[in-house]
Amino acid sequence: MEEINFILAKNLKAFREGKKLSLEKVAELTGVSKTMIGQIERGESSPTITTIWKIANGLKISFSSLIDHPRPDTTVVLKSDIRTLTEDNGKYLVFPHFPFEADKRFEVYSIEIEAGGYHRADSHQEGTEEFLTIFEGELTVRLNDDEYMLKNGDSIRFKADKPHAYLNSGGTLTRLSMILYYPK
């Protein structure tokens, strides 16, 4: 329990200072006394769930943003640490560098497709868009009845709320980046 109080203290203080709010202003917005806010920020109090909800609602932030570990300013993703996803008997490899997070509206992947490799993707939720950039090799993207041939350095953006497919139509490995953007 002590750890959650430390996390709450750090998150509340960081939010208050980031918004340049005084203890008095936070007390006014939340209905929690200035003394209690100060004790929480110093880790000297074990506030009730009701008190944490009052703070979150008064500051118009999520409850979890007060009690979750804060994200670091920098995240390094080593390829060796990524759990690779495979399709087409290992010819289509997906590396989820930045998977979906509830507070973000995008995901970032790198993809490697062996010569002749193929992947058919089902429709994503309505309004979803994909952004692809080819860094090596060539790729055919099939959207409805249309085909787009992309080569090293080319990019494509398309609505991904319909079935679509990727084919390495070249004779060498294709490497590309993929960003999936989700609507609100």
C-alpha atoms as a PDB file:
ATOM      1  CA  MET A   1       0.000   0.000   0.000  1.00  0.00           C
ATOM      2  CA  GLU A   2       2.925   2.287   0.702  1.00  0.00           C
ATOM      3  CA  GLU A   3       3.998   2.128  -2.963  1.00  0.00           C
ATOM      4  CA  ILE A   4       0.632   3.346  -4.272  1.00  0.00           C
ATOM      5  CA  ASN A   5       0.795   6.325  -1.899  1.00  0.00           C
ATOM      6  CA  PHE A   6       4.244   7.165  -3.267  1.00  0.00           C
ATOM      7  CA  ILE A   7       2.969   6.912  -6.870  1.00  0.00           C
ATOM      8  CA  LEU A   8      -0.103   9.014  -6.043  1.00  0.00           C
ATOM      9  CA  ALA A   9       2.087  11.626  -4.332  1.00  0.00           C
ATOM     10  CA  LYS A  10       4.416  11.883  -7.309  1.00  0.00           C
ATOM     11  CA  ASN A  11       1.636  11.958  -9.918  1.00  0.00           C
ATOM     12  CA  LEU A  12      -0.489  14.540  -8.109  1.00  0.00           C
ATOM     13  CA  LYS A  13       2.447  16.855  -7.502  1.00  0.00           C
ATOM     14  CA  ALA A  14       3.671  16.511 -11.109  1.00  0.00           C
ATOM     15  CA  PHE A  15       0.191  17.257 -12.462  1.00  0.00           C
ATOM     16  CA  ARG A  16      -0.315  20.244 -10.133  1.00  0.00           C
ATOM     17  CA  GLU A  17       3.097  21.728 -10.912  1.00  0.00           C
ATOM     18  CA  GLY A  18       2.729  21.013 -14.637  1.00  0.00           C
ATOM     19  CA  LYS A  19      -0.548  22.971 -14.682  1.00  0.00           C
ATOM     20  CA  LYS A  20       0.937  25.639 -12.386  1.00  0.00           C
ATOM     21  CA  LEU A  21      -1.822  25.152  -9.823  1.00  0.00           C
ATOM     22  CA  SER A  22      -1.396  26.138  -6.198  1.00  0.00           C
ATOM     23  CA  LEU A  23      -2.431  23.844  -3.368  1.00  0.00           C
ATOM     24  CA  GLU A  24      -5.287  26.286  -2.723  1.00  0.00           C
ATOM     25  CA  LYS A  25      -6.523  26.037  -6.325  1.00  0.00           C
ATOM     26  CA  VAL A  26      -6.419  22.207  -6.260  1.00  0.00           C
ATOM     27  CA  ALA A  27      -8.359  22.266  -2.982  1.00  0.00           C
ATOM     28  CA  GLU A  28     -10.923  24.609  -4.535  1.00  0.00           C
ATOM     29  CA  LEU A  29     -11.329  22.464  -7.667  1.00  0.00           C
ATOM     30  CA  THR A  30     -11.537  19.130  -5.842  1.00  0.00           C
ATOM     31  CA  GLY A  31     -13.251  19.853  -2.535  1.00  0.00           C
ATOM     32  CA  VAL A  32     -10.294  18.202  -0.739  1.00  0.00           C
ATOM     33  CA  SER A  33      -8.611  20.414   1.863  1.00  0.00           C
ATOM     34  CA  LYS A  34      -5.317  22.149   1.122  1.00  0.00           C
ATOM     35  CA  THR A  35      -3.814  20.352   4.114  1.00  0.00           C
ATOM     36  CA  MET A  36      -4.881  16.937   2.789  1.00  0.00           C
ATOM     37  CA  ILE A  37      -3.574  17.725  -0.723  1.00  0.00           C
ATOM     38  CA  GLY A  38      -0.215  18.683   0.797  1.00  0.00           C
ATOM     39  CA  GLN A  39      -0.107  15.510   2.909  1.00  0.00           C
ATOM     40  CA  ILE A  40      -0.937  13.378  -0.144  1.00  0.00           C
ATOM     41  CA  GLU A  41       1.820  15.050  -2.202  1.00  0.00           C
ATOM     42  CA  ARG A  42       4.352  14.420   0.568  1.00  0.00           C
ATOM     43  CA  GLY A  43       3.241  10.775   0.913  1.00  0.00           C
ATOM     44  CA  GLU A  44       2.106  11.397   4.488  1.00  0.00           C
ATOM     45  CA  SER A  45      -1.520  10.381   3.937  1.00  0.00           C
ATOM     46  CA  SER A  46      -3.325   7.244   2.791  1.00  0.00           C
ATOM     47  CA  PRO A  47      -6.348   8.799   1.088  1.00  0.00           C
ATOM     48  CA  THR A  48      -9.533   6.827   0.563  1.00  0.00           C
ATOM     49  CA  ILE A  49     -10.682   5.804  -2.888  1.00  0.00           C
ATOM     50  CA  THR A  50     -13.433   8.418  -2.546  1.00  0.00           C
ATOM     51  CA  THR A  51     -10.820  11.131  -1.940  1.00  0.00           C
ATOM     52  CA  ILE A  52      -8.776  10.030  -4.956  1.00  0.00           C
ATOM     53  CA  TRP A  53     -11.956  10.113  -7.081  1.00  0.00           C
ATOM     54  CA  LYS A  54     -12.734  13.638  -5.832  1.00  0.00           C
ATOM     55  CA  ILE A  55      -9.248  14.761  -6.851  1.00  0.00           C
ATOM     56  CA  ALA A  56      -9.474  13.085 -10.269  1.00  0.00           C
ATOM     57  CA  ASN A  57     -12.944  14.490 -10.982  1.00  0.00           C
ATOM     58  CA  GLY A  58     -12.054  17.971  -9.736  1.00  0.00           C
ATOM     59  CA  LEU A  59      -8.920  18.090 -11.885  1.00  0.00           C
ATOM     60  CA  LYS A  60     -10.733  16.447 -14.824  1.00  0.00           C
ATOM     61  CA  ILE A  61      -8.177  13.658 -15.135  1.00  0.00           C
ATOM     62  CA  SER A  62      -8.547   9.898 -15.001  1.00  0.00           C
ATOM     63  CA  PHE A  63      -8.431   8.026 -11.714  1.00  0.00           C
ATOM     64  CA  SER A  64      -5.767   5.705 -13.134  1.00  0.00           C
ATOM     65  CA  SER A  65      -3.521   8.632 -14.086  1.00  0.00           C
ATOM     66  CA  LEU A  66      -3.185   9.348 -10.371  1.00  0.00           C
ATOM     67  CA  ILE A  67      -2.348   5.793  -9.287  1.00  0.00           C
ATOM     68  CA  ASP A  68      -0.443   4.327 -12.261  1.00  0.00           C
ATOM     69  CA  HIS A  69       3.322   4.452 -12.552  1.00  0.00           C
ATOM     70  CA  PRO A  70       4.172   7.531 -14.580  1.00  0.00           C
ATOM     71  CA  ARG A  71       5.560   6.870 -18.019  1.00  0.00           C
ATOM     72  CA  PRO A  72       9.148   7.882 -18.538  1.00  0.00           C
ATOM     73  CA  ASP A  73       9.884  10.734 -20.921  1.00  0.00           C
ATOM     74  CA  THR A  74      11.903   8.339 -23.079  1.00  0.00           C
ATOM     75  CA  THR A  75      11.263   4.716 -24.003  1.00  0.00           C
ATOM     76  CA  VAL A  76      13.834   2.608 -25.819  1.00  0.00           C
ATOM     77  CA  VAL A  77      12.522  -0.494 -27.605  1.00  0.00           C
ATOM     78  CA  LEU A  78      15.208  -3.019 -28.487  1.00  0.00           C
ATOM     79  CA  LYS A  79      14.365  -5.266 -31.404  1.00  0.00           C
ATOM     80  CA  SER A  80      15.710  -8.227 -29.426  1.00  0.00           C
ATOM     81  CA  ASP A  81      13.036  -7.587 -26.755  1.00  0.00           C
ATOM     82  CA  ILE A  82      10.090  -7.491 -29.169  1.00  0.00           C
ATOM     83  CA  ARG A  83       7.843 -10.540 -29.406  1.00  0.00           C
ATOM     84  CA  THR A  84       7.711 -11.188 -33.145  1.00  0.00           C
ATOM     85  CA  LEU A  85       4.395 -12.191 -34.717  1.00  0.00           C
ATOM     86  CA  THR A  86       4.502 -14.401 -37.809  1.00  0.00           C
ATOM     87  CA  GLU A  87       2.151 -15.329 -40.662  1.00  0.00           C
ATOM     88  CA  ASP A  88       2.442 -17.137 -43.989  1.00  0.00           C
ATOM     89  CA  ASN A  89       4.747 -19.859 -42.616  1.00  0.00           C
ATOM     90  CA  GLY A  90       7.239 -17.316 -41.304  1.00  0.00           C
ATOM     91  CA  LYS A  91       7.407 -15.231 -44.493  1.00  0.00           C
ATOM     92  CA  TYR A  92       5.511 -12.315 -42.909  1.00  0.00           C
ATOM     93  CA  LEU A  93       7.028 -10.967 -39.653  1.00  0.00           C
ATOM     94  CA  VAL A  94       5.526  -8.190 -37.536  1.00  0.00           C
ATOM     95  CA  PHE A  95       7.499  -6.341 -34.852  1.00  0.00           C
ATOM     96  CA  PRO A  96       5.189  -4.327 -32.550  1.00  0.00           C
ATOM     97  CA  HIS A  97       7.474  -1.461 -31.472  1.00  0.00           C
ATOM     98  CA  PHE A  98       4.721   0.647 -29.886  1.00  0.00           C
ATOM     99  CA  PRO A  99       1.523  -1.406 -29.501  1.00  0.00           C
ATOM    100  CA  PHE A 100      -1.857   0.155 -28.850  1.00  0.00           C
ATOM    101  CA  GLU A 101      -2.278   2.068 -25.596  1.00  0.00           C
ATOM    102  CA  ALA A 102      -5.655   3.280 -24.357  1.00  0.00           C
ATOM    103  CA  ASP A 103      -4.555   6.931 -24.193  1.00  0.00           C
ATOM    104  CA  LYS A 104      -2.985   6.952 -27.663  1.00  0.00           C
ATOM    105  CA  ARG A 105      -4.689   6.629 -31.034  1.00  0.00           C
ATOM    106  CA  PHE A 106      -1.914   4.877 -32.910  1.00  0.00           C
ATOM    107  CA  GLU A 107       0.343   1.812 -33.041  1.00  0.00           C
ATOM    108  CA  VAL A 108       3.785   1.525 -34.664  1.00  0.00           C
ATOM    109  CA  TYR A 109       5.169  -1.636 -36.275  1.00  0.00           C
ATOM    110  CA  SER A 110       7.990  -2.700 -38.508  1.00  0.00           C
ATOM    111  CA  ILE A 111       7.308  -5.522 -40.929  1.00  0.00           C
ATOM    112  CA  GLU A 112       9.550  -7.877 -42.868  1.00  0.00           C
ATOM    113  CA  ILE A 113       8.151  -9.909 -45.751  1.00  0.00           C
ATOM    114  CA  GLU A 114      10.168 -12.592 -47.513  1.00  0.00           C
ATOM    115  CA  ALA A 115       9.961 -12.839 -51.317  1.00  0.00           C
ATOM    116  CA  GLY A 116       6.506 -14.171 -52.216  1.00  0.00           C
ATOM    117  CA  GLY A 117       5.208 -13.529 -48.680  1.00  0.00           C
ATOM    118  CA  TYR A 118       1.544 -12.555 -48.389  1.00  0.00           C
ATOM    119  CA  HIS A 119      -0.794 -11.291 -45.696  1.00  0.00           C
ATOM    120  CA  ARG A 120      -4.499 -10.535 -45.918  1.00  0.00           C
ATOM    121  CA  ALA A 121      -5.774  -8.180 -43.215  1.00  0.00           C
ATOM    122  CA  ASP A 122      -9.393  -8.006 -42.137  1.00  0.00           C
ATOM    123  CA  SER A 123     -11.140  -4.664 -41.777  1.00  0.00           C
ATOM    124  CA  HIS A 124     -10.075  -2.551 -38.833  1.00  0.00           C
ATOM    125  CA  GLN A 125     -12.601  -0.424 -36.925  1.00  0.00           C
ATOM    126  CA  GLU A 126     -14.334   2.249 -38.974  1.00  0.00           C
ATOM    127  CA  GLY A 127     -12.153   5.268 -39.709  1.00  0.00           C
ATOM    128  CA  THR A 128      -8.836   3.485 -39.080  1.00  0.00           C
ATOM    129  CA  GLU A 129      -6.001   4.542 -41.380  1.00  0.00           C
ATOM    130  CA  GLU A 130      -2.704   2.846 -42.194  1.00  0.00           C
ATOM    131  CA  PHE A 131       0.517   4.622 -43.098  1.00  0.00           C
ATOM    132  CA  LEU A 132       3.194   2.451 -44.743  1.00  0.00           C
ATOM    133  CA  THR A 133       6.721   3.405 -45.776  1.00  0.00           C
ATOM    134  CA  ILE A 134       8.923   0.949 -47.674  1.00  0.00           C
ATOM    135  CA  PHE A 135      12.582   0.978 -46.606  1.00  0.00           C
ATOM    136  CA  GLU A 136      13.830  -2.002 -48.580  1.00  0.00           C
ATOM    137  CA  GLY A 137      12.452  -4.120 -51.404  1.00  0.00           C
ATOM    138  CA  GLU A 138       9.015  -3.730 -52.949  1.00  0.00           C
ATOM    139  CA  LEU A 139       5.437  -4.279 -51.875  1.00  0.00           C
ATOM    140  CA  THR A 140       2.094  -4.640 -53.585  1.00  0.00           C
ATOM    141  CA  VAL A 141      -0.832  -3.345 -51.520  1.00  0.00           C
ATOM    142  CA  ARG A 142      -4.287  -4.568 -52.524  1.00  0.00           C
ATOM    143  CA  LEU A 143      -7.285  -2.422 -51.576  1.00  0.00           C
ATOM    144  CA  ASN A 144     -10.648  -3.551 -52.941  1.00  0.00           C
ATOM    145  CA  ASP A 145      -9.992  -4.018 -56.666  1.00  0.00           C
ATOM    146  CA  ASP A 146      -6.963  -1.701 -56.753  1.00  0.00           C
ATOM    147  CA  GLU A 147      -3.277  -2.602 -56.510  1.00  0.00           C
ATOM    148  CA  TYR A 148      -0.467  -0.233 -55.579  1.00  0.00           C
ATOM    149  CA  MET A 149       3.163  -1.155 -56.280  1.00  0.00           C
ATOM    150  CA  LEU A 150       5.560   0.482 -53.842  1.00  0.00           C
ATOM    151  CA  LYS A 151       9.347   0.446 -53.879  1.00  0.00           C
ATOM    152  CA  ASN A 152      12.148   1.547 -51.561  1.00  0.00           C
ATOM    153  CA  GLY A 153      11.356   5.037 -50.235  1.00  0.00           C
ATOM    154  CA  ASP A 154       7.681   5.014 -51.292  1.00  0.00           C
ATOM    155  CA  SER A 155       4.806   5.525 -48.850  1.00  0.00           C
ATOM    156  CA  ILE A 156       1.062   4.984 -48.893  1.00  0.00           C
ATOM    157  CA  ARG A 157      -1.806   6.078 -46.657  1.00  0.00           C
ATOM    158  CA  PHE A 158      -5.208   4.392 -46.867  1.00  0.00           C
ATOM    159  CA  LYS A 159      -8.453   3.768 -45.013  1.00  0.00           C
ATOM    160  CA  ALA A 160      -7.996   0.365 -43.404  1.00  0.00           C
ATOM    161  CA  ASP A 161     -11.635  -0.228 -42.477  1.00  0.00           C
ATOM    162  CA  LYS A 162     -11.977  -2.589 -45.445  1.00  0.00           C
ATOM    163  CA  PRO A 163     -10.094  -5.836 -46.098  1.00  0.00           C
ATOM    164  CA  HIS A 164      -6.645  -5.264 -47.591  1.00  0.00           C
ATOM    165  CA  ALA A 165      -3.578  -7.337 -48.419  1.00  0.00           C
ATOM    166  CA  TYR A 166       0.197  -7.091 -48.705  1.00  0.00           C
ATOM    167  CA  LEU A 167       2.363  -9.071 -51.110  1.00  0.00           C
ATOM    168  CA  ASN A 168       6.122  -9.005 -51.519  1.00  0.00           C
ATOM    169  CA  SER A 169       6.104  -9.165 -55.278  1.00  0.00           C
ATOM    170  CA  GLY A 170       9.867  -8.737 -55.559  1.00  0.00           C
ATOM    171  CA  GLY A 171      12.711 -11.204 -55.336  1.00  0.00           C
ATOM    172  CA  THR A 172      14.263  -9.910 -52.076  1.00  0.00           C
ATOM    173  CA  LEU A 173      13.233  -9.185 -48.503  1.00  0.00           C
ATOM    174  CA  THR A 174      10.885  -6.223 -48.053  1.00  0.00           C
ATOM    175  CA  ARG A 175      11.142  -4.056 -44.923  1.00  0.00           C
ATOM    176  CA  LEU A 176       8.579  -1.418 -44.059  1.00  0.00           C
ATOM    177  CA  SER A 177       7.136   0.603 -41.228  1.00  0.00           C
ATOM    178  CA  MET A 178       3.434   0.635 -40.439  1.00  0.00           C
ATOM    179  CA  ILE A 179       1.502   3.127 -38.356  1.00  0.00           C
ATOM    180  CA  LEU A 180      -2.116   2.368 -37.558  1.00  0.00           C
ATOM    181  CA  TYR A 181      -4.149   5.435 -36.636  1.00  0.00           C
ATOM    182  CA  TYR A 182      -7.488   4.974 -34.871  1.00  0.00           C
ATOM    183  CA  PRO A 183     -10.292   7.535 -34.823  1.00  0.00           C
ATOM    184  CA  LYS A 184     -11.634   8.932 -31.554  1.00  0.00           C
END
